Amino acid sequence: MISNPANKTAPHAPMPPQSWALVVDDHPLFCDALELTLKSIVDYRTVKTANSLESALALLHENNAPGLVILDLNLPDVDGLDGLIRLKRQVAKTPVVIVSSMTDNSIISAAIVAGAAGFVPKHSPRSVFKDALEHIERNEIYKPSGYVEGRAQSGHDDTVSRLSSLTNQQARILELICEGKLNKQIAFDLTIAETTVKAHVTAIMRKLGVQSRTQAVLVAQNTRFSSVSPSDT
């Protein structure tokens, strides 16, 4: 909870001071800076850091849900918005704030569609970060200065929204489909019945609005930065 008595009477539940925050960024100095920032403007006693998506997911698995997640989109084991989508599936009720050097309008829009509670450019001063957290505590989505509503790639945003609607199990099965595995192999890997896999695949294709596994793979690939960023044409 931000140290402002007025915020304590907000209609939503504030972030408890005993909760912890998670910073996911592969630059140690930036992690240190964000940790100091969180401890100076928010009542977090513990700030944990992770330098990859997998290590972040492991921390989330081992601990209760944090009060806040700070995420850099450009991680060594993530290509695009997949990291944000996977994090949101694991901590659906936790606000995830994107802090990134990539500030294209289309990336900001897609991140918000994928579930980000706010987007803060990495070059921002501490005052902007504090303002972002105050917006989020009021259940408002924070959008940076310069972001223009209505200039997003609506087709891509629809794709991101569809991918975000997948359950954890469906998302894992889609990942294995992208690796080229057949239903029988997926069933073995996940220790479930092949008929269950088939049911999940049918549900995945229905949610993604596609007719084949190949089309589903193409949709999954659409969260990569190469498809989110504006083209040169």
Protein backbone atom coordinates (compact mmCIF):
# COMPACT_ATOMS: atom_id res chain seq x y z
CA MET A 1 0.00 0.00 0.00
CA ILE A 2 1.31 3.42 -0.92
CA SER A 3 1.94 5.59 2.13
CA ASN A 4 -1.02 7.91 1.71
CA PRO A 5 -3.75 7.87 4.39
CA ALA A 6 -6.40 8.89 1.86
CA ASN A 7 -5.83 5.70 -0.11
CA LYS A 8 -6.64 3.55 2.94
CA THR A 9 -10.32 4.31 2.55
CA ALA A 10 -10.46 3.24 -1.08
CA PRO A 11 -13.36 0.85 -1.88
CA HIS A 12 -11.05 -1.96 -2.99
CA ALA A 13 -8.72 -3.98 -0.77
CA PRO A 14 -5.31 -2.27 -0.54
CA MET A 15 -2.09 -4.20 -0.92
CA PRO A 16 -1.21 -5.43 2.60
CA PRO A 17 2.09 -4.10 3.99
CA GLN A 18 3.23 -7.61 4.88
CA SER A 19 2.97 -8.81 1.28
CA TRP A 20 5.92 -9.15 -1.04
CA ALA A 21 6.67 -7.87 -4.51
CA LEU A 22 8.40 -9.59 -7.40
CA VAL A 23 10.70 -7.88 -9.90
CA VAL A 24 11.42 -9.85 -13.10
CA ASP A 25 14.32 -8.37 -15.07
CA ASP A 26 17.61 -9.79 -16.30
CA HIS A 27 19.63 -6.64 -15.52
CA PRO A 28 20.91 -6.86 -11.91
CA LEU A 29 21.45 -3.11 -11.51
CA PHE A 30 17.93 -2.33 -12.70
CA CYS A 31 16.53 -4.98 -10.34
CA ASP A 32 18.39 -3.32 -7.48
CA ALA A 33 17.05 0.09 -8.47
CA LEU A 34 13.46 -1.18 -8.65
CA GLU A 35 13.83 -2.93 -5.30
CA LEU A 36 14.96 0.33 -3.69
CA THR A 37 12.15 2.21 -5.43
CA LEU A 38 9.48 -0.20 -4.20
CA LYS A 39 10.76 -0.11 -0.64
CA SER A 40 10.87 3.69 -0.66
CA ILE A 41 7.40 4.43 -2.06
CA VAL A 42 5.42 1.28 -1.17
CA ASP A 43 5.09 -0.61 2.14
CA TYR A 44 6.68 -3.81 0.88
CA ARG A 45 9.01 -5.43 3.39
CA THR A 46 10.23 -8.06 0.96
CA VAL A 47 11.10 -7.65 -2.71
CA LYS A 48 12.23 -10.78 -4.53
CA THR A 49 13.91 -10.70 -7.94
CA ALA A 50 14.11 -13.12 -10.86
CA ASN A 51 16.24 -12.84 -14.00
CA SER A 52 14.06 -15.04 -16.21
CA LEU A 53 10.46 -16.04 -16.64
CA GLU A 54 11.08 -19.61 -15.50
CA SER A 55 12.76 -18.50 -12.28
CA ALA A 56 9.88 -16.07 -11.69
CA LEU A 57 7.31 -18.83 -12.17
CA ALA A 58 9.28 -21.04 -9.76
CA LEU A 59 9.21 -18.29 -7.11
CA LEU A 60 5.48 -17.84 -7.59
CA HIS A 61 4.95 -21.58 -7.24
CA GLU A 62 6.89 -21.67 -3.95
CA ASN A 63 5.24 -18.62 -2.35
CA ASN A 64 1.85 -17.07 -1.78
CA ALA A 65 0.79 -14.65 -4.49
CA PRO A 66 2.69 -11.34 -4.29
CA GLY A 67 1.02 -7.97 -3.97
CA LEU A 68 2.71 -6.72 -7.13
CA VAL A 69 4.80 -7.99 -10.05
CA ILE A 70 7.13 -5.75 -12.04
CA LEU A 71 7.95 -7.33 -15.40
CA ASP A 72 10.38 -6.50 -18.17
CA LEU A 73 9.07 -7.85 -21.49
CA ASN A 74 12.55 -8.47 -22.90
CA LEU A 75 13.72 -11.56 -20.97
CA PRO A 76 16.23 -14.18 -22.18
CA ASP A 77 13.66 -17.02 -22.15
CA VAL A 78 10.68 -15.06 -23.53
CA ASP A 79 9.89 -13.75 -26.99
CA GLY A 80 7.12 -11.18 -26.81
CA LEU A 81 4.04 -11.08 -24.62
CA ASP A 82 4.04 -14.77 -23.75
CA GLY A 83 5.77 -14.05 -20.43
CA LEU A 84 3.07 -11.62 -19.36
CA ILE A 85 0.30 -13.99 -20.42
CA ARG A 86 1.86 -16.89 -18.49
CA LEU A 87 2.42 -14.78 -15.39
CA LYS A 88 -1.16 -13.56 -15.40
CA ARG A 89 -2.43 -17.13 -15.61
CA GLN A 90 -0.48 -18.00 -12.44
CA VAL A 91 -1.31 -14.84 -10.46
CA ALA A 92 -4.57 -13.65 -11.98
CA LYS A 93 -5.47 -11.30 -9.12
CA THR A 94 -2.01 -9.74 -8.80
CA PRO A 95 -1.36 -6.51 -10.72
CA VAL A 96 1.51 -6.88 -13.18
CA VAL A 97 3.25 -3.66 -14.18
CA ILE A 98 5.35 -3.66 -17.34
CA VAL A 99 8.57 -1.65 -17.08
CA SER A 100 10.18 -1.72 -20.50
CA SER A 101 12.41 0.21 -22.86
CA MET A 102 10.08 -0.78 -25.72
CA THR A 103 7.40 1.90 -25.80
CA ASP A 104 5.72 1.55 -29.19
CA ASN A 105 2.02 2.31 -29.00
CA SER A 106 1.16 -1.15 -30.32
CA ILE A 107 3.26 -2.92 -27.65
CA ILE A 108 1.69 -0.88 -24.85
CA SER A 109 -1.80 -1.62 -26.16
CA ALA A 110 -1.14 -5.34 -26.56
CA ALA A 111 0.36 -5.55 -23.05
CA ILE A 112 -2.73 -3.96 -21.56
CA VAL A 113 -4.98 -6.32 -23.53
CA ALA A 114 -2.89 -9.23 -22.22
CA GLY A 115 -3.61 -8.18 -18.65
CA ALA A 116 -0.98 -5.62 -17.64
CA ALA A 117 -2.15 -3.25 -14.90
CA GLY A 118 0.17 -0.55 -16.18
CA PHE A 119 3.06 0.26 -18.49
CA VAL A 120 6.02 2.39 -17.36
CA PRO A 121 8.89 3.24 -19.75
CA LYS A 122 12.27 2.31 -18.28
CA HIS A 123 13.61 5.82 -18.66
CA SER A 124 10.89 7.23 -16.37
CA PRO A 125 11.81 9.01 -13.12
CA ARG A 126 10.71 7.63 -9.75
CA SER A 127 7.81 10.10 -9.59
CA VAL A 128 6.24 8.49 -12.67
CA PHE A 129 6.58 5.05 -11.14
CA LYS A 130 4.91 6.29 -7.95
CA ASP A 131 2.10 7.81 -10.02
CA ALA A 132 1.63 4.51 -11.84
CA LEU A 133 1.29 2.58 -8.58
CA GLU A 134 -1.21 5.10 -7.26
CA HIS A 135 -3.32 4.62 -10.41
CA ILE A 136 -3.16 0.85 -9.99
CA GLU A 137 -4.16 1.05 -6.32
CA ARG A 138 -7.28 2.91 -7.46
CA ASN A 139 -7.99 0.00 -9.83
CA GLU A 140 -7.05 2.16 -12.80
CA ILE A 141 -4.80 1.03 -15.65
CA TYR A 142 -1.75 3.24 -15.93
CA LYS A 143 -0.80 4.31 -19.45
CA PRO A 144 2.34 6.37 -20.05
CA SER A 145 2.49 9.88 -21.37
CA GLY A 146 2.52 9.79 -25.16
CA TYR A 147 0.30 6.72 -25.46
CA VAL A 148 -2.50 7.38 -27.95
CA GLU A 149 -5.78 5.51 -27.58
CA GLY A 150 -7.24 3.98 -30.69
CA ARG A 151 -3.98 3.60 -32.61
CA ALA A 152 -3.44 -0.04 -31.68
CA GLN A 153 -3.47 -3.02 -33.99
CA SER A 154 -7.01 -4.19 -33.25
CA GLY A 155 -6.54 -7.52 -35.02
CA HIS A 156 -3.44 -8.33 -33.02
CA ASP A 157 -5.09 -7.21 -29.79
CA ASP A 158 -7.92 -9.65 -30.48
CA THR A 159 -5.36 -12.44 -30.89
CA VAL A 160 -3.68 -11.54 -27.60
CA SER A 161 -7.07 -11.49 -25.87
CA ARG A 162 -7.89 -14.94 -27.22
CA LEU A 163 -4.57 -16.37 -26.06
CA SER A 164 -5.07 -14.83 -22.63
CA SER A 165 -8.38 -16.67 -22.31
CA LEU A 166 -6.70 -20.10 -22.34
CA THR A 167 -6.50 -22.02 -19.08
CA ASN A 168 -3.11 -23.08 -17.71
CA GLN A 169 -3.57 -26.62 -19.01
CA GLN A 170 -4.70 -25.42 -22.43
CA ALA A 171 -1.74 -23.03 -22.61
CA ARG A 172 0.68 -25.85 -21.76
CA ILE A 173 -0.87 -28.09 -24.41
CA LEU A 174 -0.59 -25.29 -26.97
CA GLU A 175 3.10 -24.94 -26.09
CA LEU A 176 3.60 -28.65 -26.76
CA ILE A 177 1.67 -28.38 -30.03
CA CYS A 178 4.05 -25.57 -31.02
CA GLU A 179 6.91 -27.98 -30.31
CA GLY A 180 5.41 -30.33 -32.90
CA LYS A 181 4.16 -32.98 -30.48
CA LEU A 182 1.20 -35.19 -31.28
CA ASN A 183 -1.73 -35.84 -28.93
CA LYS A 184 -0.27 -39.17 -27.80
CA GLN A 185 3.05 -37.54 -26.89
CA ILE A 186 1.29 -34.67 -25.11
CA ALA A 187 -0.79 -37.14 -23.10
CA PHE A 188 2.40 -38.94 -22.02
CA ASP A 189 4.20 -35.70 -21.10
CA LEU A 190 1.28 -34.40 -19.02
CA THR A 191 0.20 -37.77 -17.64
CA ILE A 192 -3.36 -37.41 -18.85
CA ALA A 193 -5.59 -39.44 -21.17
CA GLU A 194 -5.28 -38.89 -24.91
CA THR A 195 -9.03 -38.24 -25.06
CA THR A 196 -8.52 -35.42 -22.55
CA VAL A 197 -5.83 -33.94 -24.78
CA LYS A 198 -8.18 -34.10 -27.77
CA ALA A 199 -10.89 -32.29 -25.79
CA HIS A 200 -8.41 -29.59 -24.79
CA VAL A 201 -7.18 -29.19 -28.38
CA THR A 202 -10.77 -28.75 -29.56
CA ALA A 203 -11.35 -26.12 -26.86
CA ILE A 204 -8.08 -24.36 -27.77
CA MET A 205 -9.00 -24.12 -31.45
CA ARG A 206 -12.48 -22.86 -30.56
CA LYS A 207 -11.09 -20.12 -28.28
CA LEU A 208 -8.49 -19.09 -30.86
CA GLY A 209 -11.01 -19.15 -33.69
CA VAL A 210 -8.97 -21.54 -35.85
CA GLN A 211 -9.66 -24.79 -37.67
CA SER A 212 -6.33 -26.59 -37.42
CA ARG A 213 -3.30 -27.16 -35.20
CA THR A 214 -1.12 -25.31 -37.72
CA GLN A 215 -3.33 -22.25 -37.47
CA ALA A 216 -3.17 -22.47 -33.67
CA VAL A 217 0.64 -22.42 -33.82
CA LEU A 218 0.54 -19.34 -36.04
CA VAL A 219 -1.75 -17.59 -33.56
CA ALA A 220 0.63 -18.44 -30.69
CA GLN A 221 3.53 -17.00 -32.65
CA ASN A 222 1.58 -13.77 -33.06
CA THR A 223 2.54 -12.67 -29.53
CA ARG A 224 6.16 -12.25 -30.58
CA PHE A 225 7.58 -8.76 -30.75
CA SER A 226 8.12 -9.05 -34.49
CA SER A 227 4.35 -9.21 -34.91
CA VAL A 228 3.51 -6.67 -32.20
CA SER A 229 5.90 -3.93 -33.30
CA PRO A 230 4.86 -1.62 -36.12
CA SER A 231 6.06 -2.58 -39.58
CA ASP A 232 8.29 -0.40 -41.71
CA THR A 233 5.67 -0.09 -44.41
